[in-house]
Protein backbone atom coordinates (compact mmCIF):
# COMPACT_ATOMS: atom_id res chain seq x y z
CA UNK A 1 30.23 -21.38 -15.60
CA UNK A 2 31.62 -18.96 -13.06
CA UNK A 3 29.30 -15.90 -14.18
CA UNK A 4 25.94 -17.56 -13.10
CA UNK A 5 24.82 -17.15 -9.47
CA UNK A 6 23.96 -20.26 -7.75
CA UNK A 7 21.31 -20.37 -5.30
CA UNK A 8 22.62 -21.24 -1.75
CA UNK A 9 20.11 -23.06 0.33
CA UNK A 10 20.75 -22.77 4.12
CA UNK A 11 18.68 -25.33 6.28
CA UNK A 12 19.03 -22.80 9.28
CA UNK A 13 17.30 -19.89 7.43
CA UNK A 14 14.85 -21.54 5.29
CA UNK A 15 11.76 -20.47 7.64
CA UNK A 16 12.64 -16.96 7.68
CA UNK A 17 13.59 -16.98 3.92
CA UNK A 18 10.10 -18.31 3.06
CA UNK A 19 8.59 -15.93 5.58
CA UNK A 20 10.29 -13.08 3.92
CA UNK A 21 8.81 -14.31 0.54
CA UNK A 22 5.44 -14.87 1.59
CA UNK A 23 5.45 -11.34 3.59
CA UNK A 24 6.71 -9.79 0.56
CA UNK A 25 3.72 -10.92 -1.65
CA UNK A 26 1.29 -9.96 1.22
CA UNK A 27 2.78 -6.57 1.27
CA UNK A 28 2.56 -6.01 -2.36
CA UNK A 29 -1.08 -7.16 -2.11
CA UNK A 30 -1.71 -4.61 0.87
CA UNK A 31 -0.16 -1.84 -0.90
CA UNK A 32 -2.22 -2.50 -3.82
CA UNK A 33 -5.55 -2.72 -1.79
CA UNK A 34 -4.57 0.58 0.06
CA UNK A 35 -4.17 2.49 -3.21
CA UNK A 36 -7.51 0.79 -4.69
CA UNK A 37 -9.37 1.73 -1.38
CA UNK A 38 -7.82 5.32 -1.60
CA UNK A 39 -9.24 5.83 -5.10
CA UNK A 40 -12.40 4.64 -4.20
CA UNK A 41 -12.66 6.99 -1.52
CA UNK A 42 -11.65 10.05 -3.83
CA UNK A 43 -14.30 8.90 -6.30
CA UNK A 44 -17.09 8.98 -3.67
CA UNK A 45 -17.78 5.24 -4.35
CA UNK A 46 -17.94 4.18 -0.78
CA UNK A 47 -20.39 4.92 2.02
CA UNK A 48 -18.87 6.41 5.48
CA UNK A 49 -19.36 2.83 6.94
CA UNK A 50 -17.45 1.11 4.18
CA UNK A 51 -14.55 3.66 4.46
CA UNK A 52 -14.26 3.03 8.19
CA UNK A 53 -14.38 -0.69 7.72
CA UNK A 54 -11.86 -0.58 4.91
CA UNK A 55 -9.54 1.84 6.92
CA UNK A 56 -9.78 -0.34 10.13
CA UNK A 57 -9.05 -3.47 8.10
CA UNK A 58 -6.03 -2.05 6.37
CA UNK A 59 -4.49 -0.71 9.74
CA UNK A 60 -5.02 -4.05 11.19
CA UNK A 61 -3.38 -5.76 8.35
CA UNK A 62 -0.39 -3.39 8.67
CA UNK A 63 -0.18 -4.00 12.27
CA UNK A 64 -0.16 -7.89 11.70
CA UNK A 65 2.61 -7.47 9.15
CA UNK A 66 4.56 -5.70 11.62
CA UNK A 67 4.19 -8.41 14.04
CA UNK A 68 4.99 -10.96 11.80
CA UNK A 69 8.14 -9.02 10.54
CA UNK A 70 9.43 -8.73 14.05
CA UNK A 71 8.51 -12.53 14.79
CA UNK A 72 10.95 -13.43 11.81
CA UNK A 73 13.50 -10.63 12.44
CA UNK A 74 12.68 -8.75 9.23
CA UNK A 75 12.76 -4.94 8.56
CA UNK A 76 10.12 -3.45 6.07
CA UNK A 77 13.12 -2.80 3.81
CA UNK A 78 13.93 -6.49 3.77
CA UNK A 79 10.58 -7.01 1.89
CA UNK A 80 11.53 -5.22 -1.15
CA UNK A 81 13.10 -7.71 -3.28
CA UNK A 82 15.52 -6.68 -5.82
CA UNK A 83 14.54 -7.13 -9.46
CA UNK A 84 17.76 -6.52 -10.89
CA UNK A 85 17.71 -4.16 -13.88
CA UNK A 86 14.06 -3.46 -13.02
CA UNK A 87 14.41 -2.19 -9.78
CA UNK A 88 12.80 -2.95 -6.54
CA UNK A 89 9.33 -4.80 -6.49
CA UNK A 90 7.67 -2.47 -3.82
CA UNK A 91 6.77 0.99 -4.73
CA UNK A 92 7.81 4.09 -2.33
CA UNK A 93 5.39 4.65 0.46
CA UNK A 94 3.62 7.98 -0.41
CA UNK A 95 3.01 8.91 3.15
CA UNK A 96 6.63 7.97 4.16
CA UNK A 97 5.40 5.55 6.64
CA UNK A 98 7.67 2.71 7.66
CA UNK A 99 6.97 0.65 4.87
CA UNK A 100 9.52 -0.60 2.12
CA UNK A 101 10.83 2.06 -0.02
CA UNK A 102 12.44 2.17 -3.35
CA UNK A 103 10.16 2.84 -6.33
CA UNK A 104 10.16 0.63 -9.34
CA UNK A 105 8.04 -1.84 -11.15
CA UNK A 106 5.60 -2.31 -8.37
CA UNK A 107 4.52 1.34 -8.46
CA UNK A 108 2.95 1.03 -11.96
CA UNK A 109 0.56 -1.67 -10.36
CA UNK A 110 -0.97 0.85 -8.40
CA UNK A 111 -1.81 3.63 -11.09
């Protein structure tokens, strides 16, 4: 069937492709955690110390993600998997930061 797309595996890029998949999942979780933390801050559920600790943790995670992307030669937009008719996986970063953009199904997860 010529209409079907075949998965092409390249032994030379398997490590990078696996890193891309893993980092995509981590980025999705990081964005969800960030949104949840912002909601908790806005509702006053956290103490000042908890807010500080969560903020520091999220900043460190974002920095580490940048290091890992660089190590594997990936850009932030490389982590935003196209889900075909559903659109991109990751939502647009509300702050306009260097995170992957696109809006899409993942955006609903953060609400």
